Amino acid sequence: MITLKRLPFGKVRVTFSLEKDQPPGTTSVVGCFNDWRPGSHVLRRRSNGRKSASVTLPEGSVVSFRYLSEGGRWTDDPAVPDRDHDGNNRLSV
């Protein structure tokens, strides 16, 4: 699940959220907004039983991303049907 929150000065907070055990283990959201660097945005466990991480982006951005879990396992966000030319999730904010 992804939520967007409009912020002042033309910014948007994008929160990437998954069930706490799906995928299992430590998971990062990686994408063009963090130069595809694993560990830059690790999804942290929350009290609501999910894990999430947030990034702040300029309004109007189009970003590509995927989730990377322990053992090099790549997964897509099932709630985001749009894909870029490489098959990564694509999101417009």
N, C-alpha and C. Protein backbone atom coordinates (compact mmCIF):
# COMPACT_ATOMS: atom_id res chain seq x y z
N MET A 1 0.84 -1.16 0.00
CA MET A 1 0.00 0.00 0.00
C MET A 1 0.90 1.24 0.00
N ILE A 2 0.52 2.21 -0.78
CA ILE A 2 1.26 3.46 -0.84
C ILE A 2 0.30 4.60 -0.53
N THR A 3 0.74 5.49 0.35
CA THR A 3 -0.07 6.66 0.64
C THR A 3 0.73 7.92 0.29
N LEU A 4 0.01 8.92 -0.16
CA LEU A 4 0.60 10.19 -0.53
C LEU A 4 0.03 11.28 0.37
N LYS A 5 0.89 12.17 0.86
CA LYS A 5 0.44 13.30 1.66
C LYS A 5 1.09 14.56 1.09
N ARG A 6 0.25 15.48 0.66
CA ARG A 6 0.76 16.75 0.14
C ARG A 6 1.34 17.57 1.28
N LEU A 7 2.50 18.14 1.04
CA LEU A 7 3.21 18.96 2.01
C LEU A 7 3.36 20.37 1.44
N PRO A 8 3.74 21.32 2.27
CA PRO A 8 3.99 22.68 1.75
C PRO A 8 5.15 22.70 0.74
N PHE A 9 5.18 23.77 -0.02
CA PHE A 9 6.28 24.05 -0.95
C PHE A 9 6.41 23.04 -2.09
N GLY A 10 5.27 22.48 -2.54
CA GLY A 10 5.29 21.60 -3.69
C GLY A 10 5.91 20.24 -3.45
N LYS A 11 5.86 19.76 -2.23
CA LYS A 11 6.43 18.45 -1.88
C LYS A 11 5.31 17.46 -1.57
N VAL A 12 5.63 16.18 -1.69
CA VAL A 12 4.70 15.10 -1.37
C VAL A 12 5.45 14.05 -0.56
N ARG A 13 4.86 13.64 0.58
CA ARG A 13 5.43 12.52 1.35
C ARG A 13 4.81 11.24 0.82
N VAL A 14 5.66 10.33 0.36
CA VAL A 14 5.22 9.04 -0.15
C VAL A 14 5.60 7.99 0.89
N THR A 15 4.60 7.27 1.39
CA THR A 15 4.85 6.22 2.38
C THR A 15 4.60 4.87 1.73
N PHE A 16 5.63 4.06 1.70
CA PHE A 16 5.59 2.70 1.16
C PHE A 16 5.33 1.77 2.34
N SER A 17 4.30 0.93 2.26
CA SER A 17 3.90 0.10 3.39
C SER A 17 3.56 -1.31 2.91
N LEU A 18 4.05 -2.29 3.67
CA LEU A 18 3.79 -3.70 3.37
C LEU A 18 3.38 -4.41 4.66
N GLU A 19 2.75 -5.58 4.51
CA GLU A 19 2.48 -6.42 5.68
C GLU A 19 3.81 -6.78 6.32
N LYS A 20 3.85 -6.91 7.65
CA LYS A 20 5.13 -7.07 8.36
C LYS A 20 5.95 -8.28 7.92
N ASP A 21 5.31 -9.33 7.44
CA ASP A 21 6.04 -10.54 7.04
C ASP A 21 6.05 -10.78 5.54
N GLN A 22 5.61 -9.82 4.76
CA GLN A 22 5.54 -10.00 3.31
C GLN A 22 6.26 -8.87 2.59
N PRO A 23 7.37 -9.08 2.04
CA PRO A 23 8.17 -10.30 2.11
C PRO A 23 8.86 -10.42 3.46
N PRO A 24 9.27 -11.62 3.85
CA PRO A 24 9.89 -11.81 5.16
C PRO A 24 11.28 -11.16 5.23
N GLY A 25 11.68 -10.83 6.44
CA GLY A 25 13.02 -10.28 6.67
C GLY A 25 13.09 -8.79 6.41
N THR A 26 14.30 -8.27 6.52
CA THR A 26 14.55 -6.85 6.30
C THR A 26 14.28 -6.51 4.84
N THR A 27 13.53 -5.42 4.62
CA THR A 27 13.16 -5.00 3.27
C THR A 27 13.42 -3.52 3.12
N SER A 28 13.97 -3.14 1.97
CA SER A 28 14.19 -1.73 1.62
C SER A 28 13.35 -1.40 0.40
N VAL A 29 12.92 -0.14 0.32
CA VAL A 29 12.36 0.35 -0.94
C VAL A 29 13.50 1.06 -1.65
N VAL A 30 13.76 0.65 -2.87
CA VAL A 30 14.85 1.23 -3.65
C VAL A 30 14.28 1.74 -4.97
N GLY A 31 14.84 2.83 -5.45
CA GLY A 31 14.33 3.39 -6.69
C GLY A 31 15.18 4.54 -7.16
N CYS A 32 14.66 5.22 -8.17
CA CYS A 32 15.41 6.33 -8.75
C CYS A 32 15.59 7.47 -7.75
N PHE A 33 14.73 7.56 -6.72
CA PHE A 33 14.83 8.62 -5.72
C PHE A 33 15.98 8.41 -4.74
N ASN A 34 16.56 7.21 -4.69
CA ASN A 34 17.72 6.97 -3.82
C ASN A 34 18.85 6.25 -4.58
N ASP A 35 18.87 6.48 -5.88
CA ASP A 35 19.90 5.89 -6.76
C ASP A 35 19.97 4.37 -6.65
N TRP A 36 18.83 3.74 -6.35
CA TRP A 36 18.73 2.28 -6.27
C TRP A 36 19.70 1.70 -5.22
N ARG A 37 19.92 2.44 -4.13
CA ARG A 37 20.83 1.99 -3.07
C ARG A 37 20.07 1.22 -1.99
N PRO A 38 20.32 -0.08 -1.86
CA PRO A 38 19.69 -0.86 -0.79
C PRO A 38 20.08 -0.30 0.57
N GLY A 39 19.16 -0.32 1.49
CA GLY A 39 19.42 0.15 2.85
C GLY A 39 19.20 1.63 3.06
N SER A 40 18.99 2.38 2.00
CA SER A 40 18.75 3.82 2.15
C SER A 40 17.39 4.09 2.79
N HIS A 41 16.39 3.29 2.45
CA HIS A 41 15.04 3.45 2.99
C HIS A 41 14.51 2.09 3.42
N VAL A 42 14.94 1.65 4.60
CA VAL A 42 14.52 0.37 5.16
C VAL A 42 13.11 0.51 5.72
N LEU A 43 12.26 -0.45 5.42
CA LEU A 43 10.91 -0.46 5.97
C LEU A 43 10.99 -0.91 7.43
N ARG A 44 10.49 -0.07 8.32
CA ARG A 44 10.52 -0.34 9.77
C ARG A 44 9.18 -0.88 10.25
N ARG A 45 9.23 -1.77 11.22
CA ARG A 45 8.00 -2.31 11.80
C ARG A 45 7.23 -1.22 12.54
N ARG A 46 5.91 -1.21 12.34
CA ARG A 46 5.03 -0.23 12.97
C ARG A 46 4.06 -0.93 13.91
N SER A 47 3.45 -0.18 14.80
CA SER A 47 2.54 -0.75 15.80
C SER A 47 1.26 -1.29 15.17
N ASN A 48 0.95 -0.89 13.93
CA ASN A 48 -0.27 -1.36 13.27
C ASN A 48 -0.08 -2.71 12.56
N GLY A 49 1.08 -3.35 12.75
CA GLY A 49 1.32 -4.65 12.14
C GLY A 49 1.88 -4.59 10.73
N ARG A 50 2.27 -3.43 10.30
CA ARG A 50 2.85 -3.26 8.97
C ARG A 50 4.30 -2.80 9.10
N LYS A 51 4.99 -2.71 7.99
CA LYS A 51 6.31 -2.09 7.97
C LYS A 51 6.28 -1.04 6.87
N SER A 52 6.97 0.10 7.12
CA SER A 52 6.88 1.19 6.16
C SER A 52 8.12 2.07 6.20
N ALA A 53 8.26 2.84 5.12
CA ALA A 53 9.30 3.86 4.99
C ALA A 53 8.71 4.99 4.16
N SER A 54 9.15 6.21 4.42
CA SER A 54 8.65 7.38 3.69
C SER A 54 9.78 8.13 3.02
N VAL A 55 9.46 8.73 1.90
CA VAL A 55 10.37 9.62 1.19
C VAL A 55 9.59 10.88 0.83
N THR A 56 10.28 12.00 0.76
CA THR A 56 9.66 13.26 0.34
C THR A 56 10.17 13.59 -1.05
N LEU A 57 9.22 13.84 -1.96
CA LEU A 57 9.55 14.08 -3.36
C LEU A 57 8.86 15.34 -3.86
N PRO A 58 9.38 15.94 -4.92
CA PRO A 58 8.70 17.08 -5.52
C PRO A 58 7.37 16.64 -6.15
N GLU A 59 6.34 17.45 -5.95
CA GLU A 59 5.05 17.17 -6.56
C GLU A 59 5.21 17.11 -8.08
N GLY A 60 4.56 16.14 -8.72
CA GLY A 60 4.66 15.97 -10.16
C GLY A 60 5.74 14.99 -10.59
N SER A 61 6.49 14.46 -9.63
CA SER A 61 7.55 13.49 -9.95
C SER A 61 6.95 12.18 -10.43
N VAL A 62 7.68 11.50 -11.28
CA VAL A 62 7.36 10.13 -11.68
C VAL A 62 8.57 9.30 -11.28
N VAL A 63 8.35 8.31 -10.41
CA VAL A 63 9.46 7.53 -9.87
C VAL A 63 9.28 6.04 -10.16
N SER A 64 10.39 5.37 -10.34
CA SER A 64 10.43 3.91 -10.49
C SER A 64 11.00 3.34 -9.21
N PHE A 65 10.47 2.19 -8.77
CA PHE A 65 10.95 1.58 -7.53
C PHE A 65 10.60 0.10 -7.50
N ARG A 66 11.24 -0.59 -6.56
CA ARG A 66 10.94 -1.99 -6.22
C ARG A 66 11.34 -2.19 -4.76
N TYR A 67 10.95 -3.32 -4.20
CA TYR A 67 11.35 -3.69 -2.85
C TYR A 67 12.45 -4.73 -2.95
N LEU A 68 13.46 -4.60 -2.08
CA LEU A 68 14.56 -5.55 -2.02
C LEU A 68 14.66 -6.11 -0.61
N SER A 69 14.55 -7.43 -0.50
CA SER A 69 14.57 -8.10 0.80
C SER A 69 15.84 -8.90 0.98
N GLU A 70 16.01 -9.42 2.19
CA GLU A 70 17.17 -10.25 2.52
C GLU A 70 17.35 -11.34 1.46
N GLY A 71 18.59 -11.65 1.17
CA GLY A 71 18.89 -12.69 0.20
C GLY A 71 18.79 -12.21 -1.25
N GLY A 72 18.65 -10.89 -1.45
CA GLY A 72 18.59 -10.36 -2.80
C GLY A 72 17.27 -10.59 -3.51
N ARG A 73 16.20 -10.75 -2.75
CA ARG A 73 14.87 -11.03 -3.33
C ARG A 73 14.17 -9.72 -3.70
N TRP A 74 13.92 -9.52 -4.98
CA TRP A 74 13.21 -8.34 -5.48
C TRP A 74 11.72 -8.64 -5.57
N THR A 75 10.87 -7.69 -5.15
CA THR A 75 9.43 -7.84 -5.28
C THR A 75 8.82 -6.51 -5.73
N ASP A 76 7.63 -6.62 -6.29
CA ASP A 76 6.88 -5.45 -6.73
C ASP A 76 5.77 -5.14 -5.75
N ASP A 77 5.25 -3.93 -5.82
CA ASP A 77 4.10 -3.55 -5.01
C ASP A 77 2.84 -3.98 -5.77
N PRO A 78 2.05 -4.89 -5.20
CA PRO A 78 0.88 -5.39 -5.92
C PRO A 78 -0.19 -4.33 -6.17
N ALA A 79 -0.15 -3.23 -5.43
CA ALA A 79 -1.14 -2.17 -5.59
C ALA A 79 -0.79 -1.17 -6.69
N VAL A 80 0.40 -1.32 -7.29
CA VAL A 80 0.85 -0.37 -8.32
C VAL A 80 0.93 -1.12 -9.65
N PRO A 81 -0.07 -0.95 -10.52
CA PRO A 81 -0.08 -1.69 -11.78
C PRO A 81 0.82 -1.10 -12.86
N ASP A 82 1.20 0.16 -12.75
CA ASP A 82 1.98 0.82 -13.79
C ASP A 82 3.45 0.39 -13.72
N ARG A 83 4.08 0.19 -14.87
CA ARG A 83 5.47 -0.25 -14.96
C ARG A 83 6.26 0.68 -15.88
N ASP A 84 7.56 0.81 -15.59
CA ASP A 84 8.43 1.56 -16.49
C ASP A 84 8.96 0.62 -17.58
N HIS A 85 9.84 1.12 -18.44
CA HIS A 85 10.34 0.32 -19.56
C HIS A 85 11.20 -0.87 -19.12
N ASP A 86 11.68 -0.87 -17.84
CA ASP A 86 12.45 -2.01 -17.32
C ASP A 86 11.61 -2.98 -16.51
N GLY A 87 10.31 -2.71 -16.38
CA GLY A 87 9.43 -3.58 -15.62
C GLY A 87 9.31 -3.24 -14.14
N ASN A 88 9.93 -2.14 -13.70
CA ASN A 88 9.83 -1.70 -12.31
C ASN A 88 8.50 -1.00 -12.07
N ASN A 89 8.03 -1.02 -10.82
CA ASN A 89 6.85 -0.23 -10.48
C ASN A 89 7.10 1.23 -10.84
N ARG A 90 6.07 1.92 -11.34
CA ARG A 90 6.18 3.35 -11.64
C ARG A 90 5.02 4.07 -10.97
N LEU A 91 5.36 5.17 -10.31
CA LEU A 91 4.38 5.93 -9.53
C LEU A 91 4.50 7.40 -9.86
N SER A 92 3.36 8.05 -10.11
CA SER A 92 3.34 9.50 -10.31
C SER A 92 2.85 10.16 -9.03
N VAL A 93 3.60 11.14 -8.57
CA VAL A 93 3.20 11.86 -7.35
C VAL A 93 2.92 13.30 -7.70
